[in-house]
């Protein structure tokens, strides 16, 4: 290497050293805290939020991750794990990632009150500045407490299997939730099979729909009198539910290819249906006679049915824009609707139908439509497009308070928060049932409950699957 090159390198080195000395001088001067420290000083990390929040209640009694979020990136001191404490439970692990500290707890017990303590110095800022002490108090749900619901079914002299099923639902309420699937329109368990294919487990309840009652006959494409699919499900330990999208003629004398449940597409009116001598009354009598016969077939085989007719009656009636009912049975308002519900109830009673557990579906603001405790066993709620667990839980808690003597179920759902996030937020549905996707062949990309949603549900220890049900026979 020649002398000119050596001289050039020495000049560059001198320049860099000079620049470093000047920058260090000004940096130290600008961050001098009066204690002679040459390190830049930052404020101590401050807690921004926590999950659960301080004072939270009804936390599930299982392993819990407490998430502490700070206002800057943090680390954990070398002795951090041993210094974090919680009375009556165990701290399994303490870790930090960016602005979050995760404390993993185990051994939480039912109805317990807990205080998690993270002492000063456990959480450190970027320059090892100690975060102040944090304490988070919370309590777990008391799973030994059962909601004081009405113990008797509203049907007089119920089928023993129906009472046994209802007693089971009461006994697990708040502690377990039953999984359910909906038939793919017709008389099938197609969605239940998709759930089994994906998760290895069948839902506890298979729901069906008598939507094509008007077409049902032994020589027709649909025959609700052939109960083989339902009997097989029951014999394999599953529970049975049914609803009814009640189709009526578009007008008096309309052919069976002109049927609907939409009020704007028919002249059929519920206020006339409960009046003797009207064409509407003639229709509902014939339909109720027919469906009573089909329900009696199941009763004769000792199969109870979770029965959900006349659902979502209020539609948009109570919305701010003053809409109308979605279905004909709610079109003439609350008083007529309740009379129609009781008309059906009494009709079945006269026919000796006693295998039904009656589910009424609320829309939160429609208490005027409630037929009454004498005619309803369970309160249902249909929820769609609610992705956040707490939003679903708010609805559950509202219903649970208004109908304090009744079980509350998620009678339909689609595109909602996972069952685990709903449950952890306090939504203690007695059962849940996602709606079907027409002719779906896989749960991947399912419009209402996809493979990830169902996998989450069926891996929770509080979700009951078909194989976990006690015998109802």
Protein backbone atom coordinates (compact mmCIF):
# COMPACT_ATOMS: atom_id res chain seq x y z
CA UNK A 1 0.00 0.00 0.00
CA UNK A 2 1.57 3.39 -1.02
CA UNK A 3 2.11 6.37 1.31
CA UNK A 4 -0.56 8.51 -0.33
CA UNK A 5 -3.21 5.86 0.36
CA UNK A 6 -2.06 5.48 3.98
CA UNK A 7 -2.28 9.22 4.47
CA UNK A 8 -5.82 9.30 3.05
CA UNK A 9 -7.04 6.50 5.34
CA UNK A 10 -5.54 8.21 8.40
CA UNK A 11 -7.41 11.42 7.49
CA UNK A 12 -10.74 9.63 7.19
CA UNK A 13 -10.26 7.86 10.52
CA UNK A 14 -9.44 11.16 12.25
CA UNK A 15 -12.56 12.75 10.76
CA UNK A 16 -14.84 9.89 11.93
CA UNK A 17 -13.37 9.97 15.43
CA UNK A 18 -13.97 13.70 15.60
CA UNK A 19 -17.53 13.41 14.49
CA UNK A 20 -18.20 10.65 17.04
CA UNK A 21 -16.70 12.79 19.86
CA UNK A 22 -18.82 15.84 18.93
CA UNK A 23 -22.05 13.85 18.65
CA UNK A 24 -21.39 12.10 21.95
CA UNK A 25 -20.69 15.41 23.65
CA UNK A 26 -23.96 16.97 22.54
CA UNK A 27 -25.94 13.78 23.16
CA UNK A 28 -24.71 13.45 26.72
CA UNK A 29 -25.24 17.15 27.36
CA UNK A 30 -28.83 17.10 26.09
CA UNK A 31 -29.77 14.03 28.23
CA UNK A 32 -27.96 14.97 31.42
CA UNK A 33 -30.38 14.17 34.28
CA UNK A 34 -28.22 15.86 36.93
CA UNK A 35 -26.98 12.50 38.23
CA UNK A 36 -23.97 12.27 36.00
CA UNK A 37 -25.49 9.57 33.77
CA UNK A 38 -24.42 9.44 30.15
CA UNK A 39 -27.40 7.20 29.13
CA UNK A 40 -30.52 8.68 27.50
CA UNK A 41 -33.39 8.57 30.00
CA UNK A 42 -36.96 7.51 29.08
CA UNK A 43 -40.09 7.57 31.20
CA UNK A 44 -41.03 4.33 32.93
CA UNK A 45 -43.37 2.05 30.97
CA UNK A 46 -47.02 2.66 31.85
CA UNK A 47 -49.84 0.12 31.66
CA UNK A 48 -52.31 1.01 28.91
CA UNK A 49 -54.78 -1.87 29.18
CA UNK A 50 -55.24 -5.39 30.47
CA UNK A 51 -57.23 -8.51 29.61
CA UNK A 52 -59.03 -9.21 31.87
CA UNK A 53 -59.59 -5.68 33.07
CA UNK A 54 -59.17 -4.89 36.74
CA UNK A 55 -62.32 -5.92 38.60
CA UNK A 56 -63.58 -8.24 35.85
CA UNK A 57 -66.09 -10.95 36.85
CA UNK A 58 -67.25 -14.34 35.62
CA UNK A 59 -63.90 -15.36 34.14
CA UNK A 60 -64.04 -19.02 32.97
CA UNK A 61 -62.46 -21.49 35.39
CA UNK A 62 -59.68 -22.75 33.15
CA UNK A 63 -56.10 -21.85 32.31
CA UNK A 64 -55.95 -18.13 31.68
CA UNK A 65 -53.60 -15.78 29.84
CA UNK A 66 -53.49 -12.30 31.35
CA UNK A 67 -52.36 -9.77 28.74
CA UNK A 68 -50.79 -6.51 29.95
CA UNK A 69 -50.26 -3.86 27.27
CA UNK A 70 -47.79 -1.02 27.91
CA UNK A 71 -47.11 2.28 26.15
CA UNK A 72 -43.66 1.18 24.91
CA UNK A 73 -41.72 -1.96 24.17
CA UNK A 74 -40.85 -3.90 27.32
CA UNK A 75 -38.79 -6.82 28.57
CA UNK A 76 -38.97 -9.02 31.66
CA UNK A 77 -36.27 -9.01 34.33
CA UNK A 78 -34.32 -12.23 34.87
CA UNK A 79 -36.15 -12.89 38.13
CA UNK A 80 -39.53 -11.80 36.77
CA UNK A 81 -41.22 -15.20 36.74
CA UNK A 82 -40.57 -15.85 40.43
CA UNK A 83 -41.67 -12.37 41.48
CA UNK A 84 -45.10 -12.36 39.80
CA UNK A 85 -47.66 -13.81 42.21
CA UNK A 86 -51.34 -14.74 42.44
CA UNK A 87 -52.94 -16.16 45.55
CA UNK A 88 -54.78 -19.47 45.15
CA UNK A 89 -53.48 -20.18 41.65
CA UNK A 90 -50.20 -20.81 39.83
CA UNK A 91 -48.11 -18.55 37.60
CA UNK A 92 -46.90 -20.90 34.85
CA UNK A 93 -44.99 -18.44 32.70
CA UNK A 94 -44.24 -14.75 32.20
CA UNK A 95 -43.09 -13.43 28.84
CA UNK A 96 -42.82 -10.18 26.89
CA UNK A 97 -43.19 -9.39 23.22
CA UNK A 98 -43.00 -5.81 22.01
CA UNK A 99 -45.49 -3.87 24.18
CA UNK A 100 -47.29 -6.89 25.62
CA UNK A 101 -46.58 -8.94 28.72
CA UNK A 102 -48.32 -12.32 28.97
CA UNK A 103 -48.82 -14.02 32.32
CA UNK A 104 -50.03 -17.62 32.03
CA UNK A 105 -52.10 -18.84 34.99
CA UNK A 106 -53.41 -22.27 35.96
CA UNK A 107 -55.37 -23.71 38.85
CA UNK A 108 -58.21 -21.17 38.87
CA UNK A 109 -61.20 -22.48 40.81
CA UNK A 110 -64.92 -21.91 40.51
CA UNK A 111 -66.18 -18.81 42.29
CA UNK A 112 -62.69 -17.65 43.23
CA UNK A 113 -61.48 -14.08 43.84
CA UNK A 114 -57.96 -13.45 42.59
CA UNK A 115 -55.36 -10.67 42.65
CA UNK A 116 -52.45 -10.87 40.24
CA UNK A 117 -49.43 -8.83 41.36
CA UNK A 118 -46.58 -7.78 39.05
CA UNK A 119 -44.09 -5.93 41.32
CA UNK A 120 -42.03 -2.92 40.29
CA UNK A 121 -38.91 -3.97 38.44
CA UNK A 122 -40.35 -7.05 36.78
CA UNK A 123 -41.30 -5.15 33.63
CA UNK A 124 -38.50 -3.04 32.13
CA UNK A 125 -38.47 -0.39 29.45
CA UNK A 126 -35.98 -0.20 26.53
CA UNK A 127 -33.28 1.33 28.77
CA UNK A 128 -34.09 -0.88 31.77
CA UNK A 129 -36.28 1.76 33.41
CA UNK A 130 -38.56 -0.10 35.84
CA UNK A 131 -42.31 -0.09 35.32
CA UNK A 132 -44.42 0.56 38.44
CA UNK A 133 -46.23 -2.27 40.19
CA UNK A 134 -49.43 -3.57 38.57
CA UNK A 135 -52.25 -5.42 40.32
CA UNK A 136 -55.21 -6.96 38.48
CA UNK A 137 -58.18 -8.26 40.47
CA UNK A 138 -60.80 -10.58 38.95
CA UNK A 139 -63.21 -13.35 39.90
CA UNK A 140 -64.16 -16.59 38.20
CA UNK A 141 -67.65 -17.78 37.41
CA UNK A 142 -69.29 -19.91 40.08
CA UNK A 143 -70.10 -23.03 38.11
CA UNK A 144 -71.84 -24.60 41.08
CA UNK A 145 -74.65 -22.11 40.75
CA UNK A 146 -77.50 -23.03 38.42
CA UNK A 147 -79.79 -20.32 37.13
CA UNK A 148 -83.15 -20.60 38.95
CA UNK A 149 -85.21 -21.32 35.84
CA UNK A 150 -88.67 -22.83 35.83
CA UNK A 151 -88.10 -26.57 36.23
CA UNK A 152 -91.31 -27.81 34.61
CA UNK A 153 -91.95 -27.83 30.89
CA UNK A 154 -94.91 -25.77 29.73
CA UNK A 155 -96.45 -28.86 28.12
CA UNK A 156 -98.64 -30.68 30.62
CA UNK A 157 -97.66 -34.30 31.25
CA UNK A 158 -94.54 -34.09 29.02
CA UNK A 159 -92.95 -37.10 27.39
CA UNK A 160 -90.42 -38.43 29.96
CA UNK A 161 -87.60 -38.10 27.44
CA UNK A 162 -88.52 -34.45 26.83
CA UNK A 163 -88.42 -33.71 30.56
CA UNK A 164 -85.12 -35.57 30.88
CA UNK A 165 -83.63 -33.49 28.07
CA UNK A 166 -84.86 -30.26 29.60
CA UNK A 167 -83.55 -31.24 33.03
CA UNK A 168 -80.16 -31.88 31.46
CA UNK A 169 -80.13 -28.46 29.79
CA UNK A 170 -80.97 -26.84 33.12
CA UNK A 171 -78.24 -28.78 34.94
CA UNK A 172 -75.46 -27.70 32.56
CA UNK A 173 -76.61 -24.13 32.02
CA UNK A 174 -73.73 -21.72 32.50
CA UNK A 175 -71.22 -24.56 32.60
CA UNK A 176 -71.64 -26.27 29.23
CA UNK A 177 -73.15 -25.48 25.84
CA UNK A 178 -74.53 -27.96 23.31
CA UNK A 179 -73.35 -27.81 19.69
CA UNK A 180 -75.95 -27.93 16.94
CA UNK A 181 -76.15 -27.99 13.16
CA UNK A 182 -78.94 -27.18 10.69
CA UNK A 183 -80.25 -29.39 7.92
CA UNK A 184 -79.43 -28.28 4.40
CA UNK A 185 -83.06 -27.24 3.69
CA UNK A 186 -84.39 -30.75 3.37
CA UNK A 187 -84.64 -33.85 5.57
CA UNK A 188 -80.90 -34.48 6.11
CA UNK A 189 -77.87 -34.14 8.38
CA UNK A 190 -75.57 -32.84 5.64
CA UNK A 191 -74.08 -30.02 7.73
CA UNK A 192 -73.54 -32.34 10.71
CA UNK A 193 -71.57 -34.64 8.42
CA UNK A 194 -69.38 -31.72 7.30
CA UNK A 195 -68.69 -30.87 10.94
CA UNK A 196 -67.74 -34.48 11.62
CA UNK A 197 -65.51 -34.63 8.55
CA UNK A 198 -63.69 -31.48 9.70
CA UNK A 199 -63.46 -32.00 13.46
CA UNK A 200 -63.95 -35.72 13.97
CA UNK A 201 -67.02 -35.05 16.13
CA UNK A 202 -70.75 -34.72 15.50
CA UNK A 203 -72.77 -31.83 16.92
CA UNK A 204 -74.99 -32.75 19.85
CA UNK A 205 -78.19 -31.55 18.13
CA UNK A 206 -79.40 -31.98 14.56
CA UNK A 207 -82.00 -29.38 13.58
CA UNK A 208 -84.53 -29.83 10.79
CA UNK A 209 -87.07 -27.58 9.06
CA UNK A 210 -90.64 -28.45 8.05
CA UNK A 211 -90.48 -25.71 5.41
CA UNK A 212 -91.86 -27.97 2.66
CA UNK A 213 -94.84 -29.22 4.65
CA UNK A 214 -97.19 -28.27 1.81
CA UNK A 215 -95.34 -30.66 -0.55
CA UNK A 216 -94.75 -33.53 1.87
CA UNK A 217 -96.38 -36.83 0.90
CA UNK A 218 -95.35 -40.50 0.58
CA UNK A 219 -95.10 -40.24 -3.20
CA UNK A 220 -93.52 -36.75 -3.21
CA UNK A 221 -89.90 -35.64 -3.43
CA UNK A 222 -90.10 -34.82 0.30
CA UNK A 223 -91.84 -36.97 2.90
CA UNK A 224 -91.65 -35.90 6.53
CA UNK A 225 -93.51 -39.09 7.35
CA UNK A 226 -90.32 -41.03 6.62
CA UNK A 227 -88.54 -40.39 9.89
CA UNK A 228 -85.59 -42.72 9.31
CA UNK A 229 -83.01 -39.92 9.25
CA UNK A 230 -84.27 -38.58 12.58
CA UNK A 231 -84.57 -42.01 14.18
CA UNK A 232 -81.03 -42.92 13.17
CA UNK A 233 -79.64 -39.71 14.65
CA UNK A 234 -81.54 -40.30 17.90
CA UNK A 235 -80.45 -43.95 18.10
CA UNK A 236 -76.83 -42.82 17.77
CA UNK A 237 -77.21 -40.62 20.83
CA UNK A 238 -78.02 -37.30 19.17
CA UNK A 239 -80.70 -34.77 20.08
CA UNK A 240 -83.36 -33.49 17.68
CA UNK A 241 -84.57 -29.96 17.01
CA UNK A 242 -86.99 -28.58 14.44
CA UNK A 243 -88.23 -25.26 13.14
CA UNK A 244 -90.88 -24.33 10.63
CA UNK A 245 -90.67 -21.71 7.90
CA UNK A 246 -94.43 -21.87 7.55
CA UNK A 247 -95.35 -21.42 3.90
CA UNK A 248 -98.88 -20.30 2.98
CA UNK A 249 -100.61 -19.68 -0.38
CA UNK A 250 -100.08 -16.33 -2.06
CA UNK A 251 -103.88 -16.02 -2.17
CA UNK A 252 -106.96 -18.17 -1.58
CA UNK A 253 -106.85 -21.04 -4.04
CA UNK A 254 -103.22 -20.54 -5.12
CA UNK A 255 -101.39 -23.63 -6.33
CA UNK A 256 -98.61 -25.24 -4.29
CA UNK A 257 -96.01 -23.71 -6.60
CA UNK A 258 -97.10 -20.29 -5.33
CA UNK A 259 -96.29 -20.54 -1.62
CA UNK A 260 -94.45 -18.06 0.57
CA UNK A 261 -93.70 -16.94 4.11
CA UNK A 262 -93.12 -13.31 3.10
CA UNK A 263 -96.06 -11.04 4.02
CA UNK A 264 -95.65 -8.78 1.00
CA UNK A 265 -96.08 -11.77 -1.33
CA UNK A 266 -99.37 -13.03 0.06
CA UNK A 267 -102.82 -11.79 1.01
CA UNK A 268 -102.82 -14.31 3.87
CA UNK A 269 -103.18 -12.40 7.15
CA UNK A 270 -102.64 -13.80 10.67
CA UNK A 271 -105.48 -11.72 12.13
CA UNK A 272 -107.85 -13.72 9.93
CA UNK A 273 -106.09 -17.04 10.50
CA UNK A 274 -107.36 -17.29 14.06
CA UNK A 275 -110.96 -16.44 13.08
CA UNK A 276 -113.28 -19.37 12.38
CA UNK A 277 -114.68 -19.53 8.85
CA UNK A 278 -111.96 -17.60 7.02
CA UNK A 279 -109.87 -19.14 4.26
CA UNK A 280 -106.76 -18.40 6.31
CA UNK A 281 -108.20 -20.35 9.24
CA UNK A 282 -108.95 -23.26 6.95
CA UNK A 283 -105.30 -23.26 5.84
CA UNK A 284 -103.75 -23.18 9.30
CA UNK A 285 -106.05 -25.91 10.60
CA UNK A 286 -105.05 -28.20 7.75
CA UNK A 287 -101.37 -27.41 8.19
CA UNK A 288 -101.43 -27.87 11.95
CA UNK A 289 -103.27 -31.16 11.55
CA UNK A 290 -100.63 -32.36 9.12
CA UNK A 291 -97.60 -31.29 11.12
CA UNK A 292 -99.12 -32.62 14.36
CA UNK A 293 -99.24 -36.01 12.68
CA UNK A 294 -95.56 -35.81 11.77
CA UNK A 295 -94.57 -34.73 15.28
CA UNK A 296 -96.67 -37.55 16.72
CA UNK A 297 -94.63 -40.04 14.69
CA UNK A 298 -91.54 -38.92 16.59
CA UNK A 299 -93.40 -38.88 19.88
CA UNK A 300 -94.49 -42.48 19.36
CA UNK A 301 -90.79 -43.37 19.10
CA UNK A 302 -90.05 -41.49 22.34
CA UNK A 303 -88.07 -38.79 20.54
CA UNK A 304 -88.30 -35.32 22.12
CA UNK A 305 -88.08 -32.30 19.81
CA UNK A 306 -86.65 -28.87 20.57
CA UNK A 307 -89.43 -27.01 18.78
CA UNK A 308 -88.91 -23.47 17.39
CA UNK A 309 -91.89 -22.22 15.38
CA UNK A 310 -92.97 -18.69 14.38
CA UNK A 311 -89.47 -17.29 14.80
CA UNK A 312 -88.19 -13.70 14.43
CA UNK A 313 -91.78 -12.46 14.45
CA UNK A 314 -91.16 -8.75 14.99
CA UNK A 315 -88.80 -8.37 12.04
CA UNK A 316 -88.02 -4.67 11.69
CA UNK A 317 -91.16 -3.43 13.41
CA UNK A 318 -89.29 -1.85 16.31
CA UNK A 319 -86.38 -0.50 14.32
CA UNK A 320 -85.93 3.31 14.07
CA UNK A 321 -87.02 3.32 10.44
CA UNK A 322 -90.36 1.67 11.37
CA UNK A 323 -90.04 -1.38 9.17
CA UNK A 324 -92.35 -4.37 8.93
CA UNK A 325 -92.31 -8.03 9.87
CA UNK A 326 -90.13 -10.41 7.88
CA UNK A 327 -92.65 -13.25 8.07
CA UNK A 328 -96.42 -13.34 7.70
CA UNK A 329 -96.95 -14.53 11.28
CA UNK A 330 -95.67 -11.22 12.67
CA UNK A 331 -97.34 -8.93 10.15
CA UNK A 332 -100.38 -7.96 12.24
CA UNK A 333 -98.47 -7.12 15.40
CA UNK A 334 -97.77 -8.51 18.84
CA UNK A 335 -101.29 -9.23 20.10
CA UNK A 336 -102.29 -11.21 17.02
CA UNK A 337 -98.97 -13.03 17.02
CA UNK A 338 -99.37 -14.17 20.63
CA UNK A 339 -102.88 -15.43 19.87
CA UNK A 340 -101.50 -17.39 16.92
CA UNK A 341 -98.75 -18.93 19.07
CA UNK A 342 -101.28 -19.98 21.72
CA UNK A 343 -103.61 -21.28 19.00
CA UNK A 344 -100.83 -23.62 17.83
CA UNK A 345 -99.95 -24.58 21.40
CA UNK A 346 -103.56 -25.46 22.25
CA UNK A 347 -104.06 -27.28 18.94
CA UNK A 348 -101.12 -29.57 19.69
CA UNK A 349 -102.31 -30.05 23.25
CA UNK A 350 -105.68 -31.25 21.99
CA UNK A 351 -103.88 -33.67 19.69
CA UNK A 352 -101.90 -35.08 22.61
CA UNK A 353 -98.53 -33.80 21.42
CA UNK A 354 -96.29 -33.76 24.50
CA UNK A 355 -92.76 -34.31 23.16
CA UNK A 356 -92.03 -30.65 22.41
CA UNK A 357 -89.71 -28.20 24.18
CA UNK A 358 -90.94 -24.80 23.00
CA UNK A 359 -88.39 -22.17 21.90
CA UNK A 360 -89.40 -18.56 21.28
CA UNK A 361 -86.99 -16.29 19.38
CA UNK A 362 -86.47 -12.73 20.58
CA UNK A 363 -85.04 -9.72 18.76
CA UNK A 364 -84.13 -7.92 21.99
CA UNK A 365 -86.70 -5.12 21.71
CA UNK A 366 -89.81 -7.23 21.16
CA UNK A 367 -91.01 -8.18 24.64
CA UNK A 368 -94.57 -7.38 23.56
CA UNK A 369 -94.41 -10.41 21.27
CA UNK A 370 -93.51 -12.85 24.08
CA UNK A 371 -96.31 -15.43 24.44
CA UNK A 372 -95.58 -15.89 28.16
CA UNK A 373 -93.92 -18.42 30.46
CA UNK A 374 -96.95 -20.70 30.26
CA UNK A 375 -96.25 -21.28 26.55
CA UNK A 376 -92.46 -21.03 26.26
CA UNK A 377 -89.60 -23.12 27.69
CA UNK A 378 -86.50 -21.54 26.13
CA UNK A 379 -85.62 -18.10 24.77
CA UNK A 380 -83.66 -18.08 21.51
CA UNK A 381 -81.68 -15.36 19.79
CA UNK A 382 -80.60 -15.29 16.12
CA UNK A 383 -77.35 -13.39 15.52
CA UNK A 384 -75.55 -12.70 12.25
CA UNK A 385 -72.45 -10.68 11.36
CA UNK A 386 -71.32 -9.97 14.93
CA UNK A 387 -67.59 -10.73 14.87
CA UNK A 388 -66.68 -9.58 18.39
CA UNK A 389 -67.25 -11.88 21.36
CA UNK A 390 -68.26 -9.05 23.75
CA UNK A 391 -70.94 -7.84 21.29
CA UNK A 392 -72.55 -11.29 21.34
CA UNK A 393 -72.20 -11.47 25.11
CA UNK A 394 -74.02 -8.15 25.57
CA UNK A 395 -77.02 -9.60 23.72
CA UNK A 396 -76.92 -12.77 25.78
CA UNK A 397 -76.79 -10.89 29.08
CA UNK A 398 -79.64 -8.59 28.03
CA UNK A 399 -81.90 -11.55 27.24
CA UNK A 400 -80.84 -13.43 30.35
CA UNK A 401 -81.87 -10.50 32.51
CA UNK A 402 -85.21 -9.83 30.79
CA UNK A 403 -86.24 -13.52 30.72
CA UNK A 404 -84.68 -14.45 34.02
CA UNK A 405 -86.64 -17.68 34.47
CA UNK A 406 -85.75 -19.19 31.12
CA UNK A 407 -82.71 -20.74 29.45
CA UNK A 408 -81.17 -18.67 26.66
CA UNK A 409 -79.84 -20.20 23.43
CA UNK A 410 -78.14 -19.05 20.24
CA UNK A 411 -80.92 -20.46 18.09
CA UNK A 412 -79.35 -19.34 14.79
CA UNK A 413 -76.08 -17.72 13.92
CA UNK A 414 -73.81 -16.92 11.02
CA UNK A 415 -70.54 -15.01 10.63
CA UNK A 416 -70.28 -14.46 14.36
CA UNK A 417 -67.41 -14.49 16.85
CA UNK A 418 -65.94 -17.87 17.74
CA UNK A 419 -67.66 -19.78 20.49
CA UNK A 420 -64.55 -19.50 22.66
CA UNK A 421 -64.50 -15.70 22.42
CA UNK A 422 -68.24 -15.51 23.08
CA UNK A 423 -67.99 -17.81 26.08
CA UNK A 424 -65.00 -15.98 27.54
CA UNK A 425 -66.96 -12.73 27.19
CA UNK A 426 -69.83 -14.16 29.22
CA UNK A 427 -72.25 -15.53 26.59
CA UNK A 428 -73.41 -18.75 28.26
CA UNK A 429 -75.75 -20.03 25.54
CA UNK A 430 -77.39 -23.35 26.48
CA UNK A 431 -76.81 -24.37 22.86
CA UNK A 432 -75.73 -22.81 19.57
CA UNK A 433 -76.60 -23.56 15.95
CA UNK A 434 -75.00 -22.00 12.84
CA UNK A 435 -77.21 -21.77 9.75
CA UNK A 436 -76.52 -23.95 6.74
CA UNK A 437 -74.93 -23.04 3.42
CA UNK A 438 -76.96 -24.37 0.52
CA UNK A 439 -75.39 -27.55 -0.90
CA UNK A 440 -72.04 -26.94 0.79
CA UNK A 441 -69.54 -29.76 0.28
CA UNK A 442 -66.92 -28.50 2.72
CA UNK A 443 -66.68 -26.15 5.67
CA UNK A 444 -63.73 -24.36 4.10
CA UNK A 445 -65.06 -20.96 3.07
CA UNK A 446 -68.49 -21.68 4.57
CA UNK A 447 -70.53 -18.46 4.60
CA UNK A 448 -71.87 -18.90 8.13
CA UNK A 449 -69.42 -21.10 10.08
CA UNK A 450 -66.24 -22.26 8.41
CA UNK A 451 -63.76 -24.98 9.33
CA UNK A 452 -61.77 -22.72 11.67
CA UNK A 453 -64.94 -21.63 13.48
CA UNK A 454 -66.09 -25.19 14.01
CA UNK A 455 -62.63 -26.41 15.02
CA UNK A 456 -62.53 -23.70 17.69
CA UNK A 457 -65.96 -24.71 18.95
CA UNK A 458 -65.43 -28.45 19.06
CA UNK A 459 -62.11 -28.23 20.90
CA UNK A 460 -63.52 -26.37 23.90
CA UNK A 461 -64.05 -28.50 26.99
CA UNK A 462 -67.37 -26.77 27.70
CA UNK A 463 -68.85 -27.56 24.26
CA UNK A 464 -70.86 -30.78 24.30
CA UNK A 465 -70.66 -33.01 21.23
CA UNK A 466 -72.91 -35.95 20.37
CA UNK A 467 -70.57 -38.55 21.84
CA UNK A 468 -70.52 -36.69 25.18
CA UNK A 469 -74.28 -36.62 25.72
CA UNK A 470 -75.83 -38.75 28.45
CA UNK A 471 -78.58 -41.08 27.37
CA UNK A 472 -82.00 -39.41 27.11
CA UNK A 473 -83.83 -42.66 26.48
